[in-house]
Amino acid sequence: MLIRYKKNFEKIAMGLLSFMPEEKDVKKLQHTIKEYEVNPNWHLFLWKEDDIIGAIGISTEDEINAVIQHISVNPSHRNTGIGKRMVREAVKNFEEKYVVCPNDSTKRFYHKCSELLNG
């Protein structure tokens, strides 16, 4: 299930986001987490089963578009459908008010999910 990011999940969220190639640099990663904490247009959600094993971040760019900017799953839980479930839940949460779309770093995975999202 998706849960909203809270400050006490900071280390877990940083660990998950660090699996994304563009978030490898510690300073960049710290800036990204800070943005999720202070920017009201940035929304970070964590996927929790027994443990927190995934993260998905969305920014509301304007009154119409919500952009999926981060998708990350703990490597030991990959290829089990968690990423697709995160995308499906995030889209469901935002689709009433926004058109949900990926950014450049998430578009490949998002398009893999398109069959699931449209089916």
N, C-alpha and C. Protein backbone atom coordinates (compact mmCIF):
# COMPACT_ATOMS: atom_id res chain seq x y z
N MET A 1 0.82 -1.17 0.00
CA MET A 1 0.00 0.00 0.00
C MET A 1 0.88 1.24 0.00
N LEU A 2 0.39 2.30 -0.64
CA LEU A 2 1.11 3.57 -0.66
C LEU A 2 0.85 4.33 0.62
N ILE A 3 1.92 4.85 1.21
CA ILE A 3 1.80 5.73 2.36
C ILE A 3 2.54 7.02 2.05
N ARG A 4 2.08 8.10 2.59
CA ARG A 4 2.71 9.39 2.36
C ARG A 4 4.03 9.46 3.13
N TYR A 5 5.05 10.03 2.49
CA TYR A 5 6.36 10.22 3.10
C TYR A 5 6.24 11.12 4.32
N LYS A 6 6.96 10.74 5.38
CA LYS A 6 7.10 11.57 6.57
C LYS A 6 8.60 11.67 6.88
N LYS A 7 8.98 12.71 7.59
CA LYS A 7 10.39 12.96 7.91
C LYS A 7 11.05 11.77 8.59
N ASN A 8 10.32 11.03 9.42
CA ASN A 8 10.94 9.89 10.11
C ASN A 8 11.26 8.73 9.16
N PHE A 9 10.83 8.81 7.90
CA PHE A 9 11.18 7.81 6.88
C PHE A 9 12.32 8.29 5.99
N GLU A 10 12.98 9.39 6.37
CA GLU A 10 13.96 10.03 5.51
C GLU A 10 15.07 9.07 5.05
N LYS A 11 15.68 8.33 5.96
CA LYS A 11 16.79 7.44 5.59
C LYS A 11 16.32 6.33 4.65
N ILE A 12 15.15 5.79 4.91
CA ILE A 12 14.60 4.74 4.04
C ILE A 12 14.34 5.31 2.65
N ALA A 13 13.70 6.48 2.61
CA ALA A 13 13.40 7.11 1.32
C ALA A 13 14.67 7.45 0.56
N MET A 14 15.68 7.97 1.24
CA MET A 14 16.95 8.29 0.58
C MET A 14 17.59 7.02 0.04
N GLY A 15 17.54 5.95 0.80
CA GLY A 15 18.10 4.69 0.33
C GLY A 15 17.40 4.19 -0.92
N LEU A 16 16.09 4.28 -0.95
CA LEU A 16 15.33 3.83 -2.12
C LEU A 16 15.60 4.71 -3.33
N LEU A 17 15.57 6.03 -3.14
CA LEU A 17 15.81 6.94 -4.26
C LEU A 17 17.24 6.84 -4.78
N SER A 18 18.17 6.44 -3.93
CA SER A 18 19.58 6.34 -4.37
C SER A 18 19.78 5.24 -5.40
N PHE A 19 18.81 4.35 -5.57
CA PHE A 19 18.91 3.32 -6.61
C PHE A 19 18.68 3.89 -8.00
N MET A 20 18.14 5.12 -8.08
CA MET A 20 17.93 5.76 -9.38
C MET A 20 19.24 6.40 -9.81
N PRO A 21 19.66 6.19 -11.06
CA PRO A 21 20.96 6.70 -11.52
C PRO A 21 21.18 8.19 -11.29
N GLU A 22 20.14 9.02 -11.50
CA GLU A 22 20.33 10.46 -11.35
C GLU A 22 20.34 10.91 -9.89
N GLU A 23 20.12 9.99 -8.95
CA GLU A 23 20.12 10.33 -7.53
C GLU A 23 21.30 9.70 -6.79
N LYS A 24 22.33 9.29 -7.51
CA LYS A 24 23.49 8.64 -6.88
C LYS A 24 24.29 9.61 -6.02
N ASP A 25 24.42 10.87 -6.46
CA ASP A 25 25.20 11.86 -5.73
C ASP A 25 24.47 12.23 -4.43
N VAL A 26 25.17 12.18 -3.30
CA VAL A 26 24.57 12.41 -2.00
C VAL A 26 23.97 13.82 -1.90
N LYS A 27 24.67 14.82 -2.39
CA LYS A 27 24.14 16.19 -2.32
C LYS A 27 22.86 16.33 -3.15
N LYS A 28 22.82 15.73 -4.31
CA LYS A 28 21.63 15.75 -5.16
C LYS A 28 20.48 15.05 -4.45
N LEU A 29 20.78 13.91 -3.86
CA LEU A 29 19.77 13.13 -3.15
C LEU A 29 19.21 13.92 -1.95
N GLN A 30 20.08 14.56 -1.20
CA GLN A 30 19.63 15.38 -0.07
C GLN A 30 18.74 16.53 -0.54
N HIS A 31 19.12 17.14 -1.65
CA HIS A 31 18.31 18.23 -2.22
C HIS A 31 16.93 17.70 -2.64
N THR A 32 16.90 16.54 -3.25
CA THR A 32 15.63 15.94 -3.69
C THR A 32 14.72 15.67 -2.50
N ILE A 33 15.25 15.06 -1.46
CA ILE A 33 14.45 14.77 -0.26
C ILE A 33 13.94 16.07 0.36
N LYS A 34 14.80 17.06 0.44
CA LYS A 34 14.41 18.36 1.01
C LYS A 34 13.26 18.97 0.20
N GLU A 35 13.35 18.84 -1.12
CA GLU A 35 12.29 19.37 -1.99
C GLU A 35 10.95 18.69 -1.69
N TYR A 36 10.98 17.37 -1.49
CA TYR A 36 9.75 16.66 -1.15
C TYR A 36 9.21 17.12 0.21
N GLU A 37 10.08 17.52 1.10
CA GLU A 37 9.64 17.96 2.42
C GLU A 37 9.06 19.37 2.43
N VAL A 38 9.60 20.26 1.60
CA VAL A 38 9.19 21.67 1.69
C VAL A 38 8.31 22.16 0.54
N ASN A 39 8.37 21.53 -0.61
CA ASN A 39 7.61 21.99 -1.76
C ASN A 39 6.22 21.35 -1.75
N PRO A 40 5.17 22.15 -1.64
CA PRO A 40 3.81 21.57 -1.59
C PRO A 40 3.37 20.92 -2.90
N ASN A 41 4.12 21.14 -3.98
CA ASN A 41 3.78 20.52 -5.26
C ASN A 41 4.52 19.21 -5.50
N TRP A 42 5.38 18.83 -4.57
CA TRP A 42 6.12 17.57 -4.69
C TRP A 42 5.54 16.59 -3.66
N HIS A 43 5.21 15.40 -4.12
CA HIS A 43 4.55 14.40 -3.28
C HIS A 43 5.33 13.08 -3.36
N LEU A 44 5.84 12.62 -2.24
CA LEU A 44 6.58 11.36 -2.20
C LEU A 44 5.75 10.35 -1.43
N PHE A 45 5.61 9.17 -2.03
CA PHE A 45 4.89 8.08 -1.41
C PHE A 45 5.81 6.88 -1.30
N LEU A 46 5.63 6.10 -0.26
CA LEU A 46 6.42 4.90 -0.03
C LEU A 46 5.49 3.70 -0.12
N TRP A 47 6.03 2.59 -0.64
CA TRP A 47 5.24 1.36 -0.75
C TRP A 47 5.59 0.48 0.43
N LYS A 48 4.57 0.16 1.22
CA LYS A 48 4.78 -0.63 2.43
C LYS A 48 4.03 -1.94 2.33
N GLU A 49 4.77 -2.99 2.55
CA GLU A 49 4.16 -4.30 2.74
C GLU A 49 4.51 -4.66 4.18
N ASP A 50 5.37 -5.64 4.43
CA ASP A 50 5.87 -5.82 5.79
C ASP A 50 6.86 -4.71 6.12
N ASP A 51 7.65 -4.34 5.15
CA ASP A 51 8.62 -3.25 5.26
C ASP A 51 8.35 -2.25 4.14
N ILE A 52 9.03 -1.13 4.20
CA ILE A 52 8.95 -0.16 3.11
C ILE A 52 9.94 -0.60 2.04
N ILE A 53 9.43 -0.86 0.83
CA ILE A 53 10.29 -1.46 -0.20
C ILE A 53 10.26 -0.70 -1.52
N GLY A 54 9.52 0.41 -1.58
CA GLY A 54 9.47 1.18 -2.81
C GLY A 54 9.14 2.63 -2.55
N ALA A 55 9.43 3.46 -3.54
CA ALA A 55 9.12 4.89 -3.46
C ALA A 55 8.69 5.39 -4.83
N ILE A 56 7.74 6.30 -4.82
CA ILE A 56 7.31 6.95 -6.06
C ILE A 56 7.06 8.42 -5.74
N GLY A 57 7.63 9.28 -6.57
CA GLY A 57 7.51 10.72 -6.36
C GLY A 57 6.81 11.38 -7.53
N ILE A 58 5.90 12.28 -7.21
CA ILE A 58 5.10 12.97 -8.22
C ILE A 58 5.14 14.46 -7.93
N SER A 59 5.29 15.25 -8.99
CA SER A 59 5.17 16.69 -8.83
C SER A 59 3.98 17.18 -9.64
N THR A 60 3.22 18.06 -9.04
CA THR A 60 2.11 18.69 -9.76
C THR A 60 2.68 19.96 -10.37
N GLU A 61 2.87 19.91 -11.67
CA GLU A 61 3.57 20.97 -12.40
C GLU A 61 2.71 22.22 -12.59
N ASP A 62 1.42 22.01 -12.78
CA ASP A 62 0.48 23.10 -13.02
C ASP A 62 -0.90 22.60 -12.62
N GLU A 63 -1.93 23.22 -13.09
CA GLU A 63 -3.29 22.83 -12.73
C GLU A 63 -3.75 21.56 -13.46
N ILE A 64 -2.96 21.09 -14.42
CA ILE A 64 -3.39 19.97 -15.26
C ILE A 64 -2.50 18.73 -15.10
N ASN A 65 -1.18 18.92 -15.05
CA ASN A 65 -0.24 17.80 -15.14
C ASN A 65 0.37 17.42 -13.80
N ALA A 66 0.42 16.11 -13.57
CA ALA A 66 1.14 15.53 -12.46
C ALA A 66 2.21 14.64 -13.09
N VAL A 67 3.47 14.88 -12.74
CA VAL A 67 4.59 14.20 -13.39
C VAL A 67 5.22 13.21 -12.42
N ILE A 68 5.29 11.95 -12.84
CA ILE A 68 6.00 10.94 -12.06
C ILE A 68 7.48 11.16 -12.29
N GLN A 69 8.19 11.58 -11.23
CA GLN A 69 9.59 11.91 -11.39
C GLN A 69 10.54 10.90 -10.75
N HIS A 70 10.05 10.06 -9.88
CA HIS A 70 10.87 9.02 -9.27
C HIS A 70 10.05 7.75 -9.13
N ILE A 71 10.65 6.62 -9.47
CA ILE A 71 10.08 5.30 -9.20
C ILE A 71 11.26 4.42 -8.80
N SER A 72 11.19 3.84 -7.63
CA SER A 72 12.30 3.00 -7.18
C SER A 72 11.78 1.87 -6.30
N VAL A 73 12.32 0.69 -6.52
CA VAL A 73 11.97 -0.49 -5.73
C VAL A 73 13.27 -1.11 -5.22
N ASN A 74 13.26 -1.52 -3.97
CA ASN A 74 14.40 -2.22 -3.40
C ASN A 74 14.79 -3.37 -4.34
N PRO A 75 16.07 -3.47 -4.70
CA PRO A 75 16.49 -4.50 -5.68
C PRO A 75 16.07 -5.92 -5.32
N SER A 76 15.99 -6.25 -4.05
CA SER A 76 15.60 -7.61 -3.69
C SER A 76 14.11 -7.87 -3.88
N HIS A 77 13.35 -6.84 -4.22
CA HIS A 77 11.91 -6.99 -4.45
C HIS A 77 11.51 -6.64 -5.88
N ARG A 78 12.48 -6.48 -6.75
CA ARG A 78 12.17 -6.13 -8.14
C ARG A 78 11.63 -7.34 -8.89
N ASN A 79 10.97 -7.05 -9.99
CA ASN A 79 10.36 -8.06 -10.86
C ASN A 79 9.26 -8.85 -10.16
N THR A 80 8.60 -8.22 -9.20
CA THR A 80 7.48 -8.86 -8.51
C THR A 80 6.18 -8.05 -8.67
N GLY A 81 6.22 -6.99 -9.49
CA GLY A 81 5.03 -6.20 -9.75
C GLY A 81 4.83 -5.01 -8.82
N ILE A 82 5.75 -4.77 -7.91
CA ILE A 82 5.60 -3.67 -6.96
C ILE A 82 5.63 -2.33 -7.67
N GLY A 83 6.55 -2.14 -8.59
CA GLY A 83 6.62 -0.88 -9.32
C GLY A 83 5.33 -0.60 -10.07
N LYS A 84 4.78 -1.61 -10.71
CA LYS A 84 3.51 -1.43 -11.43
C LYS A 84 2.38 -1.10 -10.48
N ARG A 85 2.35 -1.74 -9.31
CA ARG A 85 1.30 -1.44 -8.34
C ARG A 85 1.45 -0.01 -7.81
N MET A 86 2.69 0.43 -7.60
CA MET A 86 2.91 1.81 -7.15
C MET A 86 2.40 2.80 -8.18
N VAL A 87 2.73 2.56 -9.45
CA VAL A 87 2.28 3.45 -10.52
C VAL A 87 0.75 3.46 -10.58
N ARG A 88 0.15 2.29 -10.53
CA ARG A 88 -1.32 2.19 -10.60
C ARG A 88 -1.97 2.97 -9.45
N GLU A 89 -1.48 2.80 -8.24
CA GLU A 89 -2.05 3.50 -7.08
C GLU A 89 -1.83 5.01 -7.17
N ALA A 90 -0.64 5.41 -7.60
CA ALA A 90 -0.35 6.84 -7.72
C ALA A 90 -1.25 7.48 -8.77
N VAL A 91 -1.40 6.82 -9.90
CA VAL A 91 -2.28 7.35 -10.95
C VAL A 91 -3.71 7.45 -10.42
N LYS A 92 -4.17 6.43 -9.72
CA LYS A 92 -5.51 6.44 -9.17
C LYS A 92 -5.69 7.63 -8.21
N ASN A 93 -4.67 7.94 -7.42
CA ASN A 93 -4.75 9.05 -6.46
C ASN A 93 -4.81 10.42 -7.14
N PHE A 94 -4.21 10.53 -8.32
CA PHE A 94 -4.09 11.85 -8.97
C PHE A 94 -4.99 12.04 -10.18
N GLU A 95 -5.53 10.95 -10.76
CA GLU A 95 -6.19 11.06 -12.06
C GLU A 95 -7.49 11.85 -12.06
N GLU A 96 -8.13 12.03 -10.92
CA GLU A 96 -9.37 12.83 -10.91
C GLU A 96 -9.09 14.30 -11.18
N LYS A 97 -7.92 14.78 -10.77
CA LYS A 97 -7.61 16.20 -10.90
C LYS A 97 -6.53 16.49 -11.94
N TYR A 98 -5.70 15.52 -12.26
CA TYR A 98 -4.54 15.75 -13.12
C TYR A 98 -4.43 14.69 -14.22
N VAL A 99 -3.70 15.06 -15.26
CA VAL A 99 -3.25 14.10 -16.25
C VAL A 99 -1.88 13.64 -15.76
N VAL A 100 -1.75 12.37 -15.48
CA VAL A 100 -0.50 11.83 -14.94
C VAL A 100 0.38 11.38 -16.09
N CYS A 101 1.64 11.81 -16.07
CA CYS A 101 2.58 11.46 -17.12
C CYS A 101 3.97 11.28 -16.50
N PRO A 102 4.85 10.60 -17.20
CA PRO A 102 6.21 10.40 -16.68
C PRO A 102 7.13 11.54 -17.11
N ASN A 103 8.29 11.63 -16.45
CA ASN A 103 9.35 12.51 -16.95
C ASN A 103 10.34 11.65 -17.73
N ASP A 104 11.44 12.23 -18.17
CA ASP A 104 12.40 11.47 -18.99
C ASP A 104 12.97 10.25 -18.26
N SER A 105 13.22 10.38 -16.95
CA SER A 105 13.85 9.27 -16.24
C SER A 105 12.87 8.16 -15.87
N THR A 106 11.57 8.43 -15.90
CA THR A 106 10.59 7.39 -15.54
C THR A 106 9.77 6.90 -16.71
N LYS A 107 9.94 7.50 -17.90
CA LYS A 107 9.04 7.16 -19.01
C LYS A 107 9.18 5.72 -19.49
N ARG A 108 10.38 5.16 -19.50
CA ARG A 108 10.52 3.77 -19.96
C ARG A 108 9.70 2.82 -19.09
N PHE A 109 9.86 2.96 -17.78
CA PHE A 109 9.11 2.07 -16.89
C PHE A 109 7.62 2.37 -16.96
N TYR A 110 7.25 3.65 -16.99
CA TYR A 110 5.84 4.04 -17.06
C TYR A 110 5.16 3.42 -18.28
N HIS A 111 5.84 3.45 -19.42
CA HIS A 111 5.24 2.88 -20.63
C HIS A 111 5.14 1.36 -20.56
N LYS A 112 6.03 0.73 -19.81
CA LYS A 112 5.88 -0.72 -19.57
C LYS A 112 4.60 -0.99 -18.79
N CYS A 113 4.22 -0.04 -17.94
CA CYS A 113 3.02 -0.19 -17.12
C CYS A 113 1.75 0.20 -17.87
N SER A 114 1.87 0.81 -19.05
CA SER A 114 0.70 1.37 -19.72
C SER A 114 -0.40 0.33 -19.98
N GLU A 115 -0.02 -0.88 -20.28
CA GLU A 115 -1.03 -1.93 -20.49
C GLU A 115 -1.82 -2.16 -19.22
N LEU A 116 -1.12 -2.20 -18.11
CA LEU A 116 -1.78 -2.38 -16.82
C LEU A 116 -2.68 -1.19 -16.50
N LEU A 117 -2.19 0.01 -16.78
CA LEU A 117 -2.95 1.22 -16.46
C LEU A 117 -4.19 1.36 -17.33
N ASN A 118 -4.10 0.92 -18.57
CA ASN A 118 -5.23 1.07 -19.48
C ASN A 118 -6.14 -0.14 -19.50
N GLY A 119 -5.71 -1.20 -18.83
CA GLY A 119 -6.50 -2.43 -18.87
C GLY A 119 -7.43 -2.61 -17.72
